[in-house]
Protein backbone atom coordinates (compact mmCIF):
# COMPACT_ATOMS: atom_id res chain seq x y z
CA UNK A 1 0.00 0.00 0.00
CA UNK A 2 3.01 2.32 0.23
CA UNK A 3 2.93 3.09 -3.48
CA UNK A 4 -0.72 4.17 -3.27
CA UNK A 5 0.08 6.58 -0.46
CA UNK A 6 3.12 7.85 -2.39
CA UNK A 7 1.09 8.47 -5.53
CA UNK A 8 -1.76 10.08 -3.60
CA UNK A 9 0.64 12.52 -1.92
CA UNK A 10 2.21 13.33 -5.29
CA UNK A 11 -1.24 13.87 -6.79
CA UNK A 12 -2.28 16.16 -3.93
CA UNK A 13 0.89 18.25 -4.30
CA UNK A 14 0.47 18.50 -8.05
CA UNK A 15 -3.18 19.50 -7.74
CA UNK A 16 -2.26 22.30 -5.33
CA UNK A 17 0.51 23.56 -7.65
CA UNK A 18 -1.81 23.33 -10.63
CA UNK A 19 -4.54 25.31 -8.89
CA UNK A 20 -2.12 28.04 -7.81
CA UNK A 21 -0.67 28.39 -11.29
CA UNK A 22 -4.08 28.48 -12.94
CA UNK A 23 -4.86 31.60 -10.89
CA UNK A 24 -1.72 33.32 -12.17
CA UNK A 25 -2.27 32.48 -15.83
CA UNK A 26 -4.66 35.34 -16.55
CA UNK A 27 -1.64 37.67 -16.62
CA UNK A 28 0.67 35.29 -18.46
CA UNK A 29 2.15 35.67 -21.92
CA UNK A 30 0.88 33.43 -24.70
CA UNK A 31 4.00 31.22 -24.70
CA UNK A 32 3.45 30.45 -21.03
CA UNK A 33 -0.20 29.66 -21.75
CA UNK A 34 0.87 27.31 -24.54
CA UNK A 35 3.17 25.47 -22.14
CA UNK A 36 0.30 25.33 -19.64
CA UNK A 37 -1.93 23.72 -22.28
CA UNK A 38 0.72 21.05 -22.86
CA UNK A 39 0.97 20.43 -19.12
CA UNK A 40 -2.83 20.09 -18.90
CA UNK A 41 -2.66 17.23 -21.41
CA UNK A 42 0.05 15.62 -19.30
CA UNK A 43 -2.03 16.18 -16.14
CA UNK A 44 -4.93 14.32 -17.72
CA UNK A 45 -2.63 11.39 -18.56
CA UNK A 46 -1.37 11.34 -14.98
CA UNK A 47 -4.85 11.45 -13.46
CA UNK A 48 -6.06 8.67 -15.75
CA UNK A 49 -3.10 6.45 -14.84
CA UNK A 50 -3.46 7.25 -11.15
CA UNK A 51 -7.19 6.53 -11.18
CA UNK A 52 -6.54 3.20 -12.88
CA UNK A 53 -3.93 2.27 -10.28
CA UNK A 54 -5.96 3.34 -7.28
CA UNK A 55 -9.19 1.71 -8.40
CA UNK A 56 -8.00 -1.41 -10.21
CA UNK A 57 -5.67 -3.52 -8.12
CA UNK A 58 -5.05 -5.82 -11.07
CA UNK A 59 -2.93 -3.08 -12.69
CA UNK A 60 -0.93 -2.44 -9.52
CA UNK A 61 2.38 -3.57 -10.99
CA UNK A 62 5.70 -1.94 -10.26
CA UNK A 63 5.87 -0.84 -13.90
CA UNK A 64 2.46 0.86 -13.73
CA UNK A 65 3.44 2.60 -10.49
CA UNK A 66 6.76 3.73 -12.00
CA UNK A 67 5.01 5.10 -15.09
CA UNK A 68 2.52 7.11 -13.02
CA UNK A 69 5.28 8.32 -10.71
CA UNK A 70 7.49 9.39 -13.63
CA UNK A 71 4.63 11.32 -15.23
CA UNK A 72 3.97 12.98 -11.87
CA UNK A 73 7.61 13.98 -11.49
CA UNK A 74 7.62 15.41 -15.02
CA UNK A 75 4.52 17.41 -14.14
CA UNK A 76 6.18 18.73 -11.00
CA UNK A 77 9.16 19.89 -13.08
CA UNK A 78 6.87 21.46 -15.67
CA UNK A 79 4.87 23.32 -13.03
CA UNK A 80 8.11 24.63 -11.53
CA UNK A 81 9.22 25.82 -14.97
CA UNK A 82 5.92 27.65 -15.48
CA UNK A 83 6.11 29.16 -11.99
CA UNK A 84 9.62 30.47 -12.76
CA UNK A 85 8.50 31.93 -16.07
CA UNK A 86 5.58 33.69 -14.41
CA UNK A 87 7.92 35.25 -11.84
CA UNK A 88 10.21 36.47 -14.65
CA UNK A 89 7.41 38.35 -16.42
PDB file of N, CA and C in Angstrom:
ATOM      1  N   UNK A   1       0.812  -1.196   0.000  1.00  0.00           N
ATOM      2  CA  UNK A   1       0.000   0.000   0.000  1.00  0.00           C
ATOM      3  C   UNK A   1       0.858   1.264   0.000  1.00  0.00           C
ATOM      4  N   UNK A   2       2.138   1.162   0.207  1.00  0.00           N
ATOM      5  CA  UNK A   2       3.007   2.318   0.232  1.00  0.00           C
ATOM      6  C   UNK A   2       2.990   3.099  -1.067  1.00  0.00           C
ATOM      7  N   UNK A   3       2.924   2.400  -2.192  1.00  0.00           N
ATOM      8  CA  UNK A   3       2.927   3.094  -3.479  1.00  0.00           C
ATOM      9  C   UNK A   3       1.647   3.895  -3.668  1.00  0.00           C
ATOM     10  N   UNK A   4       0.517   3.405  -3.152  1.00  0.00           N
ATOM     11  CA  UNK A   4      -0.724   4.169  -3.268  1.00  0.00           C
ATOM     12  C   UNK A   4      -0.627   5.474  -2.483  1.00  0.00           C
ATOM     13  N   UNK A   5      -0.094   5.392  -1.282  1.00  0.00           N
ATOM     14  CA  UNK A   5       0.083   6.581  -0.462  1.00  0.00           C
ATOM     15  C   UNK A   5       1.043   7.560  -1.135  1.00  0.00           C
ATOM     16  N   UNK A   6       2.127   7.039  -1.691  1.00  0.00           N
ATOM     17  CA  UNK A   6       3.117   7.852  -2.391  1.00  0.00           C
ATOM     18  C   UNK A   6       2.476   8.585  -3.571  1.00  0.00           C
ATOM     19  N   UNK A   7       1.727   7.855  -4.375  1.00  0.00           N
ATOM     20  CA  UNK A   7       1.091   8.472  -5.530  1.00  0.00           C
ATOM     21  C   UNK A   7      -0.003   9.455  -5.121  1.00  0.00           C
ATOM     22  N   UNK A   8      -0.720   9.165  -4.059  1.00  0.00           N
ATOM     23  CA  UNK A   8      -1.760  10.080  -3.602  1.00  0.00           C
ATOM     24  C   UNK A   8      -1.157  11.387  -3.112  1.00  0.00           C
ATOM     25  N   UNK A   9      -0.044  11.312  -2.373  1.00  0.00           N
ATOM     26  CA  UNK A   9       0.643  12.520  -1.916  1.00  0.00           C
ATOM     27  C   UNK A   9       1.134  13.338  -3.100  1.00  0.00           C
ATOM     28  N   UNK A  10       1.731  12.649  -4.089  1.00  0.00           N
ATOM     29  CA  UNK A  10       2.205  13.330  -5.287  1.00  0.00           C
ATOM     30  C   UNK A  10       1.042  14.003  -6.007  1.00  0.00           C
ATOM     31  N   UNK A  11      -0.059  13.301  -6.140  1.00  0.00           N
ATOM     32  CA  UNK A  11      -1.240  13.867  -6.790  1.00  0.00           C
ATOM     33  C   UNK A  11      -1.750  15.094  -6.046  1.00  0.00           C
ATOM     34  N   UNK A  12      -1.814  15.028  -4.732  1.00  0.00           N
ATOM     35  CA  UNK A  12      -2.285  16.164  -3.932  1.00  0.00           C
ATOM     36  C   UNK A  12      -1.376  17.383  -4.111  1.00  0.00           C
ATOM     37  N   UNK A  13      -0.069  17.158  -4.099  1.00  0.00           N
ATOM     38  CA  UNK A  13       0.892  18.246  -4.295  1.00  0.00           C
ATOM     39  C   UNK A  13       0.735  18.861  -5.676  1.00  0.00           C
ATOM     40  N   UNK A  14       0.617  18.004  -6.685  1.00  0.00           N
ATOM     41  CA  UNK A  14       0.470  18.495  -8.053  1.00  0.00           C
ATOM     42  C   UNK A  14      -0.829  19.273  -8.226  1.00  0.00           C
ATOM     43  N   UNK A  15      -1.896  18.800  -7.631  1.00  0.00           N
ATOM     44  CA  UNK A  15      -3.178  19.498  -7.738  1.00  0.00           C
ATOM     45  C   UNK A  15      -3.073  20.885  -7.121  1.00  0.00           C
ATOM     46  N   UNK A  16      -2.422  20.992  -5.973  1.00  0.00           N
ATOM     47  CA  UNK A  16      -2.257  22.300  -5.333  1.00  0.00           C
ATOM     48  C   UNK A  16      -1.432  23.232  -6.222  1.00  0.00           C
ATOM     49  N   UNK A  17      -0.321  22.738  -6.772  1.00  0.00           N
ATOM     50  CA  UNK A  17       0.512  23.558  -7.645  1.00  0.00           C
ATOM     51  C   UNK A  17      -0.266  23.987  -8.880  1.00  0.00           C
ATOM     52  N   UNK A  18      -1.022  23.060  -9.442  1.00  0.00           N
ATOM     53  CA  UNK A  18      -1.811  23.326 -10.634  1.00  0.00           C
ATOM     54  C   UNK A  18      -2.840  24.411 -10.353  1.00  0.00           C
ATOM     55  N   UNK A  19      -3.526  24.317  -9.242  1.00  0.00           N
ATOM     56  CA  UNK A  19      -4.541  25.308  -8.887  1.00  0.00           C
ATOM     57  C   UNK A  19      -3.930  26.695  -8.691  1.00  0.00           C
ATOM     58  N   UNK A  20      -2.788  26.756  -8.032  1.00  0.00           N
ATOM     59  CA  UNK A  20      -2.116  28.036  -7.812  1.00  0.00           C
ATOM     60  C   UNK A  20      -1.676  28.662  -9.128  1.00  0.00           C
ATOM     61  N   UNK A  21      -1.134  27.859 -10.012  1.00  0.00           N
ATOM     62  CA  UNK A  21      -0.671  28.385 -11.293  1.00  0.00           C
ATOM     63  C   UNK A  21      -1.831  28.843 -12.175  1.00  0.00           C
ATOM     64  N   UNK A  22      -2.917  28.111 -12.125  1.00  0.00           N
ATOM     65  CA  UNK A  22      -4.075  28.480 -12.940  1.00  0.00           C
ATOM     66  C   UNK A  22      -4.536  29.902 -12.589  1.00  0.00           C
ATOM     67  N   UNK A  23      -4.464  30.259 -11.307  1.00  0.00           N
ATOM     68  CA  UNK A  23      -4.856  31.605 -10.886  1.00  0.00           C
ATOM     69  C   UNK A  23      -3.940  32.684 -11.454  1.00  0.00           C
ATOM     70  N   UNK A  24      -2.683  32.347 -11.672  1.00  0.00           N
ATOM     71  CA  UNK A  24      -1.716  33.319 -12.168  1.00  0.00           C
ATOM     72  C   UNK A  24      -1.722  33.446 -13.687  1.00  0.00           C
ATOM     73  N   UNK A  25      -2.350  32.516 -14.376  1.00  0.00           N
ATOM     74  CA  UNK A  25      -2.269  32.482 -15.834  1.00  0.00           C
ATOM     75  C   UNK A  25      -2.996  33.626 -16.528  1.00  0.00           C
ATOM     76  N   UNK A  26      -3.923  34.266 -15.885  1.00  0.00           N
ATOM     77  CA  UNK A  26      -4.662  35.335 -16.548  1.00  0.00           C
ATOM     78  C   UNK A  26      -3.757  36.500 -16.935  1.00  0.00           C
ATOM     79  N   UNK A  27      -2.607  36.616 -16.295  1.00  0.00           N
ATOM     80  CA  UNK A  27      -1.642  37.667 -16.624  1.00  0.00           C
ATOM     81  C   UNK A  27      -0.482  37.165 -17.481  1.00  0.00           C
ATOM     82  N   UNK A  28      -0.490  35.916 -17.809  1.00  0.00           N
ATOM     83  CA  UNK A  28       0.669  35.295 -18.463  1.00  0.00           C
ATOM     84  C   UNK A  28       0.730  35.608 -19.962  1.00  0.00           C
ATOM     85  N   UNK A  29       1.923  35.544 -20.481  1.00  0.00           N
ATOM     86  CA  UNK A  29       2.146  35.672 -21.916  1.00  0.00           C
ATOM     87  C   UNK A  29       1.637  34.423 -22.622  1.00  0.00           C
ATOM     88  N   UNK A  30       1.429  34.538 -23.924  1.00  0.00           N
ATOM     89  CA  UNK A  30       0.879  33.430 -24.701  1.00  0.00           C
ATOM     90  C   UNK A  30       1.795  32.209 -24.678  1.00  0.00           C
ATOM     91  N   UNK A  31       3.107  32.389 -24.706  1.00  0.00           N
ATOM     92  CA  UNK A  31       4.003  31.224 -24.702  1.00  0.00           C
ATOM     93  C   UNK A  31       3.888  30.437 -23.403  1.00  0.00           C
ATOM     94  N   UNK A  32       3.645  31.132 -22.301  1.00  0.00           N
ATOM     95  CA  UNK A  32       3.449  30.446 -21.030  1.00  0.00           C
ATOM     96  C   UNK A  32       2.115  29.705 -21.058  1.00  0.00           C
ATOM     97  N   UNK A  33       1.100  30.322 -21.630  1.00  0.00           N
ATOM     98  CA  UNK A  33      -0.199  29.664 -21.747  1.00  0.00           C
ATOM     99  C   UNK A  33      -0.110  28.410 -22.613  1.00  0.00           C
ATOM    100  N   UNK A  34       0.686  28.484 -23.677  1.00  0.00           N
ATOM    101  CA  UNK A  34       0.874  27.309 -24.539  1.00  0.00           C
ATOM    102  C   UNK A  34       1.527  26.175 -23.765  1.00  0.00           C
ATOM    103  N   UNK A  35       2.531  26.500 -22.959  1.00  0.00           N
ATOM    104  CA  UNK A  35       3.171  25.471 -22.143  1.00  0.00           C
ATOM    105  C   UNK A  35       2.173  24.909 -21.133  1.00  0.00           C
ATOM    106  N   UNK A  36       1.338  25.772 -20.574  1.00  0.00           N
ATOM    107  CA  UNK A  36       0.299  25.328 -19.642  1.00  0.00           C
ATOM    108  C   UNK A  36      -0.628  24.325 -20.329  1.00  0.00           C
ATOM    109  N   UNK A  37      -1.039  24.625 -21.551  1.00  0.00           N
ATOM    110  CA  UNK A  37      -1.927  23.717 -22.277  1.00  0.00           C
ATOM    111  C   UNK A  37      -1.286  22.343 -22.451  1.00  0.00           C
ATOM    112  N   UNK A  38      -0.005  22.328 -22.747  1.00  0.00           N
ATOM    113  CA  UNK A  38       0.725  21.055 -22.863  1.00  0.00           C
ATOM    114  C   UNK A  38       0.730  20.318 -21.524  1.00  0.00           C
ATOM    115  N   UNK A  39       0.942  21.052 -20.449  1.00  0.00           N
ATOM    116  CA  UNK A  39       0.970  20.430 -19.125  1.00  0.00           C
ATOM    117  C   UNK A  39      -0.414  19.901 -18.737  1.00  0.00           C
ATOM    118  N   UNK A  40      -1.468  20.563 -19.186  1.00  0.00           N
ATOM    119  CA  UNK A  40      -2.826  20.088 -18.899  1.00  0.00           C
ATOM    120  C   UNK A  40      -3.068  18.719 -19.550  1.00  0.00           C
ATOM    121  N   UNK A  41      -2.555  18.541 -20.769  1.00  0.00           N
ATOM    122  CA  UNK A  41      -2.665  17.231 -21.415  1.00  0.00           C
ATOM    123  C   UNK A  41      -1.921  16.178 -20.601  1.00  0.00           C
ATOM    124  N   UNK A  42      -0.752  16.544 -20.112  1.00  0.00           N
ATOM    125  CA  UNK A  42       0.047  15.624 -19.295  1.00  0.00           C
ATOM    126  C   UNK A  42      -0.652  15.328 -17.965  1.00  0.00           C
ATOM    127  N   UNK A  43      -1.274  16.357 -17.380  1.00  0.00           N
ATOM    128  CA  UNK A  43      -2.028  16.179 -16.141  1.00  0.00           C
ATOM    129  C   UNK A  43      -3.143  15.147 -16.344  1.00  0.00           C
ATOM    130  N   UNK A  44      -3.843  15.268 -17.444  1.00  0.00           N
ATOM    131  CA  UNK A  44      -4.928  14.324 -17.721  1.00  0.00           C
ATOM    132  C   UNK A  44      -4.409  12.897 -17.859  1.00  0.00           C
ATOM    133  N   UNK A  45      -3.244  12.718 -18.463  1.00  0.00           N
ATOM    134  CA  UNK A  45      -2.627  11.394 -18.561  1.00  0.00           C
ATOM    135  C   UNK A  45      -2.305  10.863 -17.166  1.00  0.00           C
ATOM    136  N   UNK A  46      -1.734  11.736 -16.340  1.00  0.00           N
ATOM    137  CA  UNK A  46      -1.367  11.338 -14.982  1.00  0.00           C
ATOM    138  C   UNK A  46      -2.602  10.923 -14.188  1.00  0.00           C
ATOM    139  N   UNK A  47      -3.638  11.750 -14.215  1.00  0.00           N
ATOM    140  CA  UNK A  47      -4.851  11.451 -13.456  1.00  0.00           C
ATOM    141  C   UNK A  47      -5.494  10.142 -13.928  1.00  0.00           C
ATOM    142  N   UNK A  48      -5.491   9.909 -15.220  1.00  0.00           N
ATOM    143  CA  UNK A  48      -6.056   8.669 -15.753  1.00  0.00           C
ATOM    144  C   UNK A  48      -5.269   7.461 -15.237  1.00  0.00           C
ATOM    145  N   UNK A  49      -3.950   7.547 -15.305  1.00  0.00           N
ATOM    146  CA  UNK A  49      -3.099   6.451 -14.845  1.00  0.00           C
ATOM    147  C   UNK A  49      -3.265   6.247 -13.338  1.00  0.00           C
ATOM    148  N   UNK A  50      -3.295   7.335 -12.593  1.00  0.00           N
ATOM    149  CA  UNK A  50      -3.461   7.251 -11.149  1.00  0.00           C
ATOM    150  C   UNK A  50      -4.813   6.638 -10.786  1.00  0.00           C
ATOM    151  N   UNK A  51      -5.864   7.090 -11.439  1.00  0.00           N
ATOM    152  CA  UNK A  51      -7.195   6.533 -11.177  1.00  0.00           C
ATOM    153  C   UNK A  51      -7.224   5.034 -11.459  1.00  0.00           C
ATOM    154  N   UNK A  52      -6.603   4.636 -12.559  1.00  0.00           N
ATOM    155  CA  UNK A  52      -6.538   3.203 -12.877  1.00  0.00           C
ATOM    156  C   UNK A  52      -5.825   2.426 -11.772  1.00  0.00           C
ATOM    157  N   UNK A  53      -4.711   2.949 -11.309  1.00  0.00           N
ATOM    158  CA  UNK A  53      -3.927   2.269 -10.282  1.00  0.00           C
ATOM    159  C   UNK A  53      -4.661   2.208  -8.949  1.00  0.00           C
ATOM    160  N   UNK A  54      -5.310   3.284  -8.576  1.00  0.00           N
ATOM    161  CA  UNK A  54      -5.963   3.342  -7.277  1.00  0.00           C
ATOM    162  C   UNK A  54      -7.266   2.548  -7.230  1.00  0.00           C
ATOM    163  N   UNK A  55      -7.886   2.366  -8.382  1.00  0.00           N
ATOM    164  CA  UNK A  55      -9.187   1.707  -8.395  1.00  0.00           C
ATOM    165  C   UNK A  55      -9.180   0.319  -9.004  1.00  0.00           C
ATOM    166  N   UNK A  56      -8.065  -0.091  -9.580  1.00  0.00           N
ATOM    167  CA  UNK A  56      -8.004  -1.409 -10.206  1.00  0.00           C
ATOM    168  C   UNK A  56      -6.728  -2.102  -9.757  1.00  0.00           C
ATOM    169  N   UNK A  57      -6.837  -2.858  -8.705  1.00  0.00           N
ATOM    170  CA  UNK A  57      -5.669  -3.519  -8.117  1.00  0.00           C
ATOM    171  C   UNK A  57      -4.978  -4.461  -9.096  1.00  0.00           C
ATOM    172  N   UNK A  58      -5.674  -4.901 -10.125  1.00  0.00           N
ATOM    173  CA  UNK A  58      -5.052  -5.823 -11.074  1.00  0.00           C
ATOM    174  C   UNK A  58      -3.952  -5.144 -11.887  1.00  0.00           C
ATOM    175  N   UNK A  59      -3.955  -3.811 -11.939  1.00  0.00           N
ATOM    176  CA  UNK A  59      -2.933  -3.075 -12.693  1.00  0.00           C
ATOM    177  C   UNK A  59      -1.881  -2.488 -11.755  1.00  0.00           C
ATOM    178  N   UNK A  60      -1.812  -3.005 -10.540  1.00  0.00           N
ATOM    179  CA  UNK A  60      -0.931  -2.441  -9.521  1.00  0.00           C
ATOM    180  C   UNK A  60       0.483  -3.008  -9.622  1.00  0.00           C
ATOM    181  N   UNK A  61       1.028  -3.062 -10.805  1.00  0.00           N
ATOM    182  CA  UNK A  61       2.378  -3.574 -10.985  1.00  0.00           C
ATOM    183  C   UNK A  61       3.399  -2.473 -10.702  1.00  0.00           C
ATOM    184  N   UNK A  62       4.600  -2.893 -10.476  1.00  0.00           N
ATOM    185  CA  UNK A  62       5.698  -1.943 -10.260  1.00  0.00           C
ATOM    186  C   UNK A  62       5.871  -1.051 -11.491  1.00  0.00           C
ATOM    187  N   UNK A  63       5.726  -1.615 -12.664  1.00  0.00           N
ATOM    188  CA  UNK A  63       5.874  -0.842 -13.903  1.00  0.00           C
ATOM    189  C   UNK A  63       4.789   0.234 -14.001  1.00  0.00           C
ATOM    190  N   UNK A  64       3.553  -0.111 -13.676  1.00  0.00           N
ATOM    191  CA  UNK A  64       2.455   0.857 -13.727  1.00  0.00           C
ATOM    192  C   UNK A  64       2.688   1.973 -12.708  1.00  0.00           C
ATOM    193  N   UNK A  65       3.125   1.596 -11.510  1.00  0.00           N
ATOM    194  CA  UNK A  65       3.445   2.598 -10.494  1.00  0.00           C
ATOM    195  C   UNK A  65       4.557   3.521 -10.994  1.00  0.00           C
ATOM    196  N   UNK A  66       5.617   2.934 -11.531  1.00  0.00           N
ATOM    197  CA  UNK A  66       6.759   3.726 -11.996  1.00  0.00           C
ATOM    198  C   UNK A  66       6.334   4.691 -13.095  1.00  0.00           C
ATOM    199  N   UNK A  67       5.489   4.239 -14.016  1.00  0.00           N
ATOM    200  CA  UNK A  67       5.013   5.103 -15.094  1.00  0.00           C
ATOM    201  C   UNK A  67       4.244   6.290 -14.530  1.00  0.00           C
ATOM    202  N   UNK A  68       3.310   6.032 -13.627  1.00  0.00           N
ATOM    203  CA  UNK A  68       2.524   7.112 -13.019  1.00  0.00           C
ATOM    204  C   UNK A  68       3.432   8.055 -12.238  1.00  0.00           C
ATOM    205  N   UNK A  69       4.363   7.497 -11.502  1.00  0.00           N
ATOM    206  CA  UNK A  69       5.281   8.316 -10.713  1.00  0.00           C
ATOM    207  C   UNK A  69       6.143   9.194 -11.616  1.00  0.00           C
ATOM    208  N   UNK A  70       6.655   8.626 -12.695  1.00  0.00           N
ATOM    209  CA  UNK A  70       7.486   9.391 -13.626  1.00  0.00           C
ATOM    210  C   UNK A  70       6.699  10.533 -14.268  1.00  0.00           C
ATOM    211  N   UNK A  71       5.468  10.263 -14.664  1.00  0.00           N
ATOM    212  CA  UNK A  71       4.631  11.320 -15.230  1.00  0.00           C
ATOM    213  C   UNK A  71       4.419  12.417 -14.182  1.00  0.00           C
ATOM    214  N   UNK A  72       4.156  12.011 -12.948  1.00  0.00           N
ATOM    215  CA  UNK A  72       3.974  12.983 -11.874  1.00  0.00           C
ATOM    216  C   UNK A  72       5.211  13.834 -11.638  1.00  0.00           C
ATOM    217  N   UNK A  73       6.365  13.222 -11.667  1.00  0.00           N
ATOM    218  CA  UNK A  73       7.612  13.980 -11.489  1.00  0.00           C
ATOM    219  C   UNK A  73       7.831  14.945 -12.649  1.00  0.00           C
ATOM    220  N   UNK A  74       7.518  14.518 -13.863  1.00  0.00           N
ATOM    221  CA  UNK A  74       7.623  15.411 -15.017  1.00  0.00           C
ATOM    222  C   UNK A  74       6.668  16.590 -14.877  1.00  0.00           C
ATOM    223  N   UNK A  75       5.476  16.325 -14.377  1.00  0.00           N
ATOM    224  CA  UNK A  75       4.520  17.405 -14.137  1.00  0.00           C
ATOM    225  C   UNK A  75       5.057  18.392 -13.105  1.00  0.00           C
ATOM    226  N   UNK A  76       5.628  17.864 -12.037  1.00  0.00           N
ATOM    227  CA  UNK A  76       6.182  18.728 -10.999  1.00  0.00           C
ATOM    228  C   UNK A  76       7.252  19.645 -11.592  1.00  0.00           C
ATOM    229  N   UNK A  77       8.126  19.089 -12.421  1.00  0.00           N
ATOM    230  CA  UNK A  77       9.163  19.891 -13.079  1.00  0.00           C
ATOM    231  C   UNK A  77       8.546  20.942 -14.000  1.00  0.00           C
ATOM    232  N   UNK A  78       7.529  20.534 -14.752  1.00  0.00           N
ATOM    233  CA  UNK A  78       6.868  21.458 -15.665  1.00  0.00           C
ATOM    234  C   UNK A  78       6.179  22.593 -14.924  1.00  0.00           C
ATOM    235  N   UNK A  79       5.519  22.279 -13.820  1.00  0.00           N
ATOM    236  CA  UNK A  79       4.870  23.324 -13.030  1.00  0.00           C
ATOM    237  C   UNK A  79       5.910  24.283 -12.452  1.00  0.00           C
ATOM    238  N   UNK A  80       7.040  23.761 -12.047  1.00  0.00           N
ATOM    239  CA  UNK A  80       8.107  24.628 -11.528  1.00  0.00           C
ATOM    240  C   UNK A  80       8.628  25.540 -12.637  1.00  0.00           C
ATOM    241  N   UNK A  81       8.776  25.017 -13.833  1.00  0.00           N
ATOM    242  CA  UNK A  81       9.215  25.822 -14.975  1.00  0.00           C
ATOM    243  C   UNK A  81       8.226  26.959 -15.234  1.00  0.00           C
ATOM    244  N   UNK A  82       6.950  26.641 -15.238  1.00  0.00           N
ATOM    245  CA  UNK A  82       5.925  27.654 -15.482  1.00  0.00           C
ATOM    246  C   UNK A  82       5.943  28.694 -14.362  1.00  0.00           C
ATOM    247  N   UNK A  83       6.052  28.236 -13.125  1.00  0.00           N
ATOM    248  CA  UNK A  83       6.106  29.159 -11.992  1.00  0.00           C
ATOM    249  C   UNK A  83       7.292  30.124 -12.154  1.00  0.00           C
ATOM    250  N   UNK A  84       8.444  29.627 -12.553  1.00  0.00           N
ATOM    251  CA  UNK A  84       9.619  30.467 -12.757  1.00  0.00           C
ATOM    252  C   UNK A  84       9.391  31.474 -13.872  1.00  0.00           C
ATOM    253  N   UNK A  85       8.772  31.025 -14.945  1.00  0.00           N
ATOM    254  CA  UNK A  85       8.505  31.927 -16.073  1.00  0.00           C
ATOM    255  C   UNK A  85       7.500  33.007 -15.685  1.00  0.00           C
ATOM    256  N   UNK A  86       6.539  32.679 -14.857  1.00  0.00           N
ATOM    257  CA  UNK A  86       5.579  33.691 -14.405  1.00  0.00           C
ATOM    258  C   UNK A  86       6.246  34.734 -13.523  1.00  0.00           C
ATOM    259  N   UNK A  87       7.197  34.303 -12.706  1.00  0.00           N
ATOM    260  CA  UNK A  87       7.921  35.245 -11.838  1.00  0.00           C
ATOM    261  C   UNK A  87       8.789  36.190 -12.671  1.00  0.00           C
ATOM    262  N   UNK A  88       9.306  35.680 -13.809  1.00  0.00           N
ATOM    263  CA  UNK A  88      10.214  36.468 -14.648  1.00  0.00           C
ATOM    264  C   UNK A  88       9.481  37.489 -15.518  1.00  0.00           C
ATOM    265  N   UNK A  89       8.162  37.413 -15.554  1.00  0.00           N
ATOM    266  CA  UNK A  89       7.407  38.349 -16.421  1.00  0.00           C
ATOM    267  C   UNK A  89       7.430  39.744 -15.893  1.00  0.00           C
TER     268      UNK A  89
END
